[in-house]
Amino acid sequence: MSMRPLRYSIVLDHDPDSLPRVSFIKRKLKLRDALLCSYHPNEVKFSELTIDNFRMLQCLEWEPSGSFYQSNGNGISIPWSNIGQSGPHQGSIRVNYYSQEISDPTLPPNPRKAVLYSPSTTHFIAVLATMCEELPADGVLLIYLSASGASNYGADNIQTNMTQSDAVCDDSLGGLNIGSHGNGVFNLIYPCDLLPFTRKPLFLIIDSDNSKAFQGINKGEKGEPIAILLSPTSSYPTPHNNTIDPRIPNGSQFTSFLTSPLQSLIILLGISGSDIQMENLNKAQNILSSCLDKWGEMLASLDSIHPVWAQVLEDPFIRRLLLRFIFCRAILSLYAPISGKKEYVPECSPPLPNAFLPTTPLSIGTISQIADIFGATTMFNI
């Protein structure tokens, strides 16, 4: 359906040198490393690479430029042998960074990535600690977690009189089930497990039906607030996937919006790819791109934006994820079948300025134009 690559293309996206500059902040960080962990028991995967991890992995790569393709006329093969894997039979703890063996000298180096599937809690924390230790001074570490929520095992006594800091470490809120190592807490990641690593700049993406458990991290951080994107706690079934949990087996709706927003919208509307004319698809993509560009310019110019966001806006990968999050939030907020239901709307922390709310004229106008192209205007409260 979509002809756009998941990777960052300087032809279809923006050249990093042409991105709007954030003049009101001195500290500027770049995405240097990423830890990707996805586990859903029934999700489709390639070996131990899940669909969610694959999408995010590709989204954090540079698409080789035209000159690179011209000089490599025999085509490009993509090896997967260096993906860091873990599971019930992993050996000693190790960190294998995914490194694609196709490098375009005209582009910056790709961020390093560690990809984990079904790790134990101790393995995950060990890898995270190593990556934080090696993070450059000008770097930010992206942590992506896609997993089902899980309640705490053995949380019999729940305290009701807690400080904000205590609430972050309240395991009764539950966590994420990232593995299949028998039963108990050896599979779970709690919000408080991440607190020691907030001494370094982090960009956290939680895609789970228990994402709200991680809302309080910025109330108990050890160093500085971190940038957080939280998925909806419920996903609306699409007409072609009328299951209780649309995450399984085709991957997460939220991750799909972050990596391929227009295609995700079309799937949400229940439109078959074979029914879409390429001309209409290109029109919709141009409207979306124009809106994302305007949001990007606004983000860079508003001094009311939180420094946590401002310091990463000049990184092309993080900037693109944040802009797509704003679009995703607008779509799910205005989509008529779920409008007004907070459990279907993603959140971010720290909050963005009101200029990026779904009810602004730019958001409504963009969605209205795209919906009109696909004959779906009545499906939105606009």
Protein backbone atom coordinates (compact mmCIF):
# COMPACT_ATOMS: atom_id res chain seq x y z
CA MET A 1 0.00 0.00 0.00
CA SER A 2 2.69 2.48 1.03
CA MET A 3 5.64 3.15 -1.24
CA ARG A 4 7.55 5.06 1.44
CA PRO A 5 10.31 3.16 3.24
CA LEU A 6 10.18 2.78 6.99
CA ARG A 7 13.73 4.11 7.12
CA TYR A 8 14.51 7.81 7.23
CA SER A 9 14.93 9.04 3.66
CA ILE A 10 16.58 12.40 2.99
CA VAL A 11 14.68 12.43 -0.31
CA LEU A 12 11.19 11.90 1.15
CA ASP A 13 11.80 13.25 4.64
CA HIS A 14 14.09 16.17 5.51
CA ASP A 15 17.82 16.45 5.12
CA PRO A 16 19.12 16.70 8.71
CA ASP A 17 20.98 19.90 7.83
CA SER A 18 17.74 21.57 6.74
CA LEU A 19 15.75 20.89 9.92
CA PRO A 20 14.54 23.97 11.85
CA ARG A 21 17.04 24.98 14.52
CA VAL A 22 16.08 25.40 18.15
CA SER A 23 17.78 28.66 19.08
CA PHE A 24 16.50 29.07 22.63
CA ILE A 25 18.27 26.04 24.14
CA LYS A 26 22.00 25.37 24.40
CA ARG A 27 22.04 21.64 25.14
CA LYS A 28 21.31 19.62 22.02
CA LEU A 29 21.29 15.85 22.02
CA LYS A 30 21.43 13.23 19.29
CA LEU A 31 20.04 9.70 19.23
CA ARG A 32 23.14 7.54 19.62
CA ASP A 33 21.80 4.22 20.90
CA ALA A 34 18.49 2.38 21.12
CA LEU A 35 17.31 -0.60 23.15
CA LEU A 36 14.36 -2.34 21.49
CA CYS A 37 12.41 -5.01 23.36
CA SER A 38 9.14 -6.51 22.17
CA TYR A 39 7.34 -9.59 23.40
CA HIS A 40 3.79 -10.79 22.71
CA PRO A 41 3.30 -14.58 22.83
CA ASN A 42 1.23 -14.82 19.63
CA GLU A 43 2.81 -12.05 17.59
CA VAL A 44 4.19 -12.85 14.15
CA LYS A 45 7.98 -12.75 14.12
CA PHE A 46 10.94 -13.59 11.92
CA SER A 47 13.16 -15.88 13.96
CA GLU A 48 13.22 -13.76 17.15
CA LEU A 49 12.51 -10.43 15.47
CA THR A 50 8.92 -9.37 16.15
CA ILE A 51 6.92 -7.15 13.82
CA ASP A 52 6.98 -4.30 16.34
CA ASN A 53 10.75 -4.50 16.77
CA PHE A 54 11.22 -4.77 13.01
CA ARG A 55 9.17 -1.62 12.37
CA MET A 56 10.98 0.37 15.03
CA LEU A 57 14.35 -0.98 13.96
CA GLN A 58 13.77 0.17 10.39
CA CYS A 59 12.39 3.51 11.55
CA LEU A 60 15.72 4.27 13.24
CA GLU A 61 17.82 3.62 10.13
CA TRP A 62 18.93 5.83 7.26
CA GLU A 63 17.56 4.92 3.85
CA PRO A 64 20.53 4.77 1.44
CA SER A 65 20.41 7.69 -0.98
CA GLY A 66 19.97 7.54 -4.75
CA SER A 67 23.68 7.84 -5.39
CA PHE A 68 24.28 4.79 -3.21
CA TYR A 69 21.78 2.72 -5.19
CA GLN A 70 23.35 3.81 -8.46
CA SER A 71 26.77 2.67 -7.33
CA ASN A 72 25.39 -0.68 -6.14
CA GLY A 73 23.49 -1.88 -9.16
CA ASN A 74 23.44 -5.50 -8.07
CA GLY A 75 21.00 -4.76 -5.26
CA ILE A 76 21.34 -4.79 -1.52
CA SER A 77 21.01 -7.69 0.86
CA ILE A 78 20.16 -7.01 4.49
CA PRO A 79 21.81 -9.35 6.98
CA TRP A 80 20.15 -10.05 10.30
CA SER A 81 22.88 -12.20 11.82
CA ASN A 82 24.04 -9.50 14.21
CA ILE A 83 20.74 -8.84 15.92
CA GLY A 84 21.12 -9.23 19.65
CA GLN A 85 18.85 -12.09 20.70
CA SER A 86 17.91 -13.46 24.06
CA GLY A 87 15.60 -16.09 25.32
CA PRO A 88 15.31 -19.02 27.66
CA HIS A 89 18.57 -20.53 26.35
CA GLN A 90 20.76 -17.46 26.14
CA GLY A 91 24.33 -17.92 27.33
CA SER A 92 26.32 -15.35 29.22
CA ILE A 93 24.95 -11.82 29.18
CA ARG A 94 26.08 -10.03 26.06
CA VAL A 95 25.21 -6.97 24.06
CA ASN A 96 25.00 -7.48 20.33
CA TYR A 97 24.34 -4.25 18.52
CA TYR A 98 22.47 -4.44 15.27
CA SER A 99 24.75 -3.08 12.56
CA GLN A 100 23.54 -3.10 9.01
CA GLU A 101 26.32 -3.93 6.60
CA ILE A 102 25.19 -1.39 4.04
CA SER A 103 26.62 2.01 4.77
CA ASP A 104 26.13 5.10 2.65
CA PRO A 105 29.13 7.40 3.10
CA THR A 106 26.95 10.42 2.28
CA LEU A 107 24.81 9.82 5.39
CA PRO A 108 25.53 10.01 9.12
CA PRO A 109 26.11 6.70 10.92
CA ASN A 110 23.04 4.80 12.06
CA PRO A 111 22.29 4.76 15.78
CA ARG A 112 23.49 1.59 17.45
CA LYS A 113 20.74 -0.78 18.49
CA ALA A 114 20.36 -3.69 20.85
CA VAL A 115 17.34 -5.86 20.02
CA LEU A 116 15.99 -8.18 22.70
CA TYR A 117 13.30 -10.82 22.48
CA SER A 118 11.91 -12.47 25.60
CA PRO A 119 14.79 -11.52 27.90
CA SER A 120 14.78 -12.13 31.61
CA THR A 121 14.43 -9.02 33.75
CA THR A 122 18.05 -9.24 34.89
CA HIS A 123 19.27 -9.60 31.30
CA PHE A 124 17.27 -6.56 30.18
CA ILE A 125 18.60 -4.44 33.05
CA ALA A 126 22.17 -5.59 32.42
CA VAL A 127 21.97 -4.60 28.76
CA LEU A 128 20.38 -1.27 29.66
CA ALA A 129 23.11 -0.57 32.22
CA THR A 130 25.84 -1.28 29.67
CA MET A 131 24.27 1.01 27.11
CA CYS A 132 23.86 3.84 29.63
CA GLU A 133 27.48 3.43 30.69
CA GLU A 134 28.66 3.73 27.07
CA LEU A 135 26.30 6.56 26.05
CA PRO A 136 28.26 9.58 24.71
CA ALA A 137 27.95 12.90 26.51
CA ASP A 138 25.90 14.38 23.66
CA GLY A 139 23.73 11.30 23.26
CA VAL A 140 20.23 10.23 24.20
CA LEU A 141 19.24 6.58 24.61
CA LEU A 142 15.92 5.44 23.17
CA ILE A 143 14.20 2.64 25.09
CA TYR A 144 11.33 0.96 23.26
CA LEU A 145 9.17 -1.55 25.14
CA SER A 146 6.25 -3.31 23.47
CA ALA A 147 4.66 -5.90 25.73
CA SER A 148 1.46 -6.86 27.48
CA GLY A 149 0.75 -5.45 30.89
CA ALA A 150 0.99 -7.64 33.96
CA SER A 151 -0.07 -7.19 37.56
CA ASN A 152 2.42 -7.56 40.35
CA TYR A 153 2.93 -11.02 41.78
CA GLY A 154 2.56 -11.03 45.54
CA ALA A 155 1.33 -7.46 45.98
CA ASP A 156 -1.03 -8.26 48.82
CA ASN A 157 -0.69 -5.04 50.75
CA ILE A 158 -1.26 -1.82 48.83
CA GLN A 159 -0.40 1.40 50.60
CA THR A 160 -2.85 4.21 50.02
CA ASN A 161 -0.86 6.99 51.70
CA MET A 162 2.21 7.53 49.51
CA THR A 163 4.33 10.39 48.27
CA GLN A 164 4.71 10.98 44.54
CA SER A 165 8.14 9.34 44.61
CA ASP A 166 6.72 6.32 46.43
CA ALA A 167 3.93 6.05 43.86
CA VAL A 168 6.48 5.53 41.08
CA CYS A 169 7.77 2.46 42.89
CA ASP A 170 4.31 1.17 43.78
CA ASP A 171 4.55 -2.25 42.15
CA SER A 172 0.81 -2.73 42.63
CA LEU A 173 0.45 -0.66 39.45
CA GLY A 174 1.94 -3.60 37.61
CA GLY A 175 4.50 -3.64 34.84
CA LEU A 176 5.23 -5.21 31.48
CA ASN A 177 5.60 -8.91 30.76
CA ILE A 178 8.70 -9.00 28.54
CA GLY A 179 9.48 -12.72 28.60
CA SER A 180 8.42 -16.30 29.08
CA HIS A 181 10.77 -17.46 31.83
CA GLY A 182 8.29 -19.45 33.88
CA ASN A 183 6.14 -17.48 36.30
CA GLY A 184 6.73 -14.53 38.57
CA VAL A 185 8.70 -11.31 38.58
CA PHE A 186 11.56 -12.66 36.44
CA ASN A 187 9.48 -11.68 33.39
CA LEU A 188 8.39 -8.24 34.54
CA ILE A 189 9.72 -4.73 34.07
CA TYR A 190 8.33 -2.21 36.56
CA PRO A 191 8.57 1.58 36.25
CA CYS A 192 10.93 1.70 39.23
CA ASP A 193 13.33 -0.63 37.37
CA LEU A 194 14.06 2.25 34.99
CA LEU A 195 14.57 4.96 37.63
CA PRO A 196 18.32 4.39 38.21
CA PHE A 197 18.94 5.02 34.51
CA THR A 198 17.22 8.41 34.46
CA ARG A 199 20.60 9.84 35.39
CA LYS A 200 21.21 9.75 31.63
CA PRO A 201 19.07 11.38 28.91
CA LEU A 202 16.39 8.87 27.90
CA PHE A 203 13.64 8.78 25.30
CA LEU A 204 11.13 6.17 26.46
CA ILE A 205 8.40 4.62 24.30
CA ILE A 206 5.99 2.30 26.11
CA ASP A 207 3.54 0.38 23.93
CA SER A 208 1.31 -1.63 26.23
CA ASP A 209 -2.17 -1.95 27.65
CA ASN A 210 -0.53 -1.01 30.96
CA SER A 211 1.42 1.98 29.66
CA LYS A 212 -0.19 4.27 32.25
CA ALA A 213 1.83 2.53 34.97
CA PHE A 214 4.86 4.41 33.61
CA GLN A 215 3.27 7.86 33.85
CA GLY A 216 4.90 8.61 37.17
CA ILE A 217 8.53 8.10 36.17
CA ASN A 218 9.03 11.84 35.80
CA LYS A 219 7.95 12.29 39.43
CA GLY A 220 10.79 10.18 40.75
CA GLU A 221 13.61 10.61 38.24
CA LYS A 222 17.15 10.54 39.60
CA GLY A 223 18.75 13.02 37.25
CA GLU A 224 16.45 14.90 34.93
CA PRO A 225 12.98 14.41 33.45
CA ILE A 226 12.93 12.05 30.48
CA ALA A 227 10.93 12.19 27.26
CA ILE A 228 8.10 9.64 27.31
CA LEU A 229 5.56 8.49 24.73
CA LEU A 230 2.81 6.26 26.11
CA SER A 231 0.48 4.18 23.97
CA PRO A 232 -3.28 4.01 24.53
CA THR A 233 -4.28 1.35 27.04
CA SER A 234 -6.87 0.09 24.54
CA SER A 235 -6.66 -0.30 20.77
CA TYR A 236 -9.75 0.01 18.62
CA PRO A 237 -10.26 -3.09 16.43
CA THR A 238 -10.05 -2.39 12.73
CA PRO A 239 -12.66 -3.79 10.32
CA HIS A 240 -10.12 -6.31 9.03
CA ASN A 241 -8.87 -7.29 12.49
CA ASN A 242 -11.87 -7.52 14.78
CA THR A 243 -9.98 -9.09 17.67
CA ILE A 244 -10.09 -8.07 21.30
CA ASP A 245 -6.42 -7.07 21.19
CA PRO A 246 -5.40 -5.72 17.75
CA ARG A 247 -1.74 -5.93 18.80
CA ILE A 248 -1.81 -9.66 18.16
CA PRO A 249 -0.68 -11.08 15.81
CA ASN A 250 -0.14 -8.14 13.46
CA GLY A 251 1.80 -5.87 15.75
CA SER A 252 0.75 -2.81 17.69
CA GLN A 253 -1.48 -0.07 16.31
CA PHE A 254 0.52 2.58 18.20
CA THR A 255 3.89 1.39 16.90
CA SER A 256 2.41 1.25 13.43
CA PHE A 257 1.35 4.91 13.67
CA LEU A 258 4.85 5.91 14.81
CA THR A 259 6.52 4.11 11.91
CA SER A 260 3.98 4.37 9.07
CA PRO A 261 1.27 6.90 9.98
CA LEU A 262 -0.69 7.18 6.75
CA GLN A 263 -0.86 3.43 6.21
CA SER A 264 -2.01 3.02 9.81
CA LEU A 265 -4.80 5.55 9.28
CA ILE A 266 -5.97 3.72 6.17
CA ILE A 267 -6.02 0.43 8.08
CA LEU A 268 -7.95 2.07 10.93
CA LEU A 269 -10.56 3.25 8.43
CA GLY A 270 -10.89 -0.27 7.05
CA ILE A 271 -9.89 0.70 3.52
CA SER A 272 -8.27 -2.00 1.44
CA GLY A 273 -5.01 -1.10 -0.25
CA SER A 274 -6.32 -2.39 -3.57
CA ASP A 275 -9.15 0.16 -3.43
CA ILE A 276 -6.84 3.18 -3.19
CA GLN A 277 -5.64 5.01 -6.25
CA MET A 278 -1.98 5.99 -6.15
CA GLU A 279 -2.92 9.57 -6.98
CA ASN A 280 -5.09 9.82 -3.86
CA LEU A 281 -2.41 8.18 -1.74
CA ASN A 282 0.14 10.74 -2.91
CA LYS A 283 -2.27 13.61 -2.22
CA ALA A 284 -2.87 12.38 1.31
CA GLN A 285 0.85 11.89 1.91
CA ASN A 286 1.60 15.44 0.72
CA ILE A 287 -1.04 16.89 3.07
CA LEU A 288 0.33 14.88 5.98
CA SER A 289 3.92 15.87 5.19
CA SER A 290 2.93 19.54 5.03
CA CYS A 291 1.23 19.31 8.42
CA LEU A 292 4.20 17.54 10.00
CA ASP A 293 6.50 20.24 8.62
CA LYS A 294 4.36 22.98 10.17
CA TRP A 295 4.30 21.19 13.51
CA GLY A 296 8.07 20.80 13.32
CA GLU A 297 8.56 24.52 12.71
CA MET A 298 6.22 25.35 15.59
CA LEU A 299 8.04 23.00 17.97
CA ALA A 300 11.37 24.62 17.13
CA SER A 301 10.07 28.17 17.57
CA LEU A 302 7.93 27.90 20.73
CA ASP A 303 9.99 28.71 23.81
CA SER A 304 7.14 27.34 25.93
CA ILE A 305 8.07 23.78 25.01
CA HIS A 306 9.69 21.78 27.80
CA PRO A 307 13.53 21.62 27.59
CA VAL A 308 13.34 17.81 27.56
CA TRP A 309 11.71 18.01 24.13
CA ALA A 310 13.60 21.07 22.90
CA GLN A 311 17.01 19.45 23.39
CA VAL A 312 16.19 16.52 21.07
CA LEU A 313 14.25 18.35 18.34
CA GLU A 314 17.25 18.65 16.05
CA ASP A 315 17.68 14.89 15.94
CA PRO A 316 15.84 13.72 12.79
CA PHE A 317 14.75 10.33 14.16
CA ILE A 318 13.32 11.60 17.45
CA ARG A 319 11.76 14.63 15.76
CA ARG A 320 9.94 12.38 13.29
CA LEU A 321 8.67 10.08 16.04
CA LEU A 322 7.35 13.03 18.04
CA LEU A 323 5.57 14.58 15.04
CA ARG A 324 3.96 11.25 14.18
CA PHE A 325 2.88 10.89 17.80
CA ILE A 326 1.09 14.26 17.55
CA PHE A 327 -0.68 13.04 14.40
CA CYS A 328 -1.59 9.71 16.00
CA ARG A 329 -3.02 11.47 19.05
CA ALA A 330 -5.10 13.77 16.85
CA ILE A 331 -6.47 10.89 14.76
CA LEU A 332 -7.45 8.75 17.74
CA SER A 333 -8.91 11.72 19.63
CA LEU A 334 -11.18 12.73 16.75
CA TYR A 335 -12.06 9.26 15.42
CA ALA A 336 -15.82 9.11 15.95
CA PRO A 337 -16.22 5.53 17.30
CA ILE A 338 -13.82 6.24 20.19
CA SER A 339 -13.97 10.02 20.51
CA GLY A 340 -13.94 11.17 24.13
CA LYS A 341 -12.60 7.86 25.47
CA LYS A 342 -9.22 8.50 27.07
CA GLU A 343 -8.18 4.86 27.06
CA TYR A 344 -7.84 5.03 23.26
CA VAL A 345 -5.63 8.14 23.22
CA PRO A 346 -1.82 8.13 23.62
CA GLU A 347 -0.09 10.48 26.04
CA CYS A 348 3.31 12.06 26.43
CA SER A 349 5.39 13.40 29.30
CA PRO A 350 6.30 16.18 29.76
CA PRO A 351 3.14 17.53 28.08
CA LEU A 352 3.43 19.43 24.82
CA PRO A 353 2.12 23.01 24.46
CA ASN A 354 -1.59 23.49 23.76
CA ALA A 355 -0.75 24.47 20.17
CA PHE A 356 -0.44 20.75 19.40
CA LEU A 357 -3.74 19.59 20.86
CA PRO A 358 -6.02 17.55 18.56
CA THR A 359 -8.66 20.31 18.60
CA THR A 360 -6.45 22.99 17.02
CA PRO A 361 -7.36 24.26 13.52
CA LEU A 362 -4.21 22.74 12.00
CA SER A 363 -4.98 19.26 13.37
CA ILE A 364 -8.65 19.38 12.41
CA GLY A 365 -7.93 20.84 8.98
CA THR A 366 -5.32 18.20 8.15
CA ILE A 367 -7.50 15.29 9.23
CA SER A 368 -10.48 16.75 7.38
CA GLN A 369 -8.53 17.03 4.12
CA ILE A 370 -7.09 13.52 4.35
CA ALA A 371 -10.43 11.99 5.35
CA ASP A 372 -12.12 13.74 2.43
CA ILE A 373 -9.68 12.14 -0.01
CA PHE A 374 -10.70 8.68 1.22
CA GLY A 375 -14.40 9.52 1.60
CA ALA A 376 -14.24 9.11 5.37
CA THR A 377 -15.10 12.57 6.66
CA THR A 378 -18.10 11.28 8.62
CA MET A 379 -15.83 8.96 10.60
CA PHE A 380 -14.30 11.89 12.48
CA ASN A 381 -15.78 14.44 14.87
CA ILE A 382 -14.58 17.48 12.94
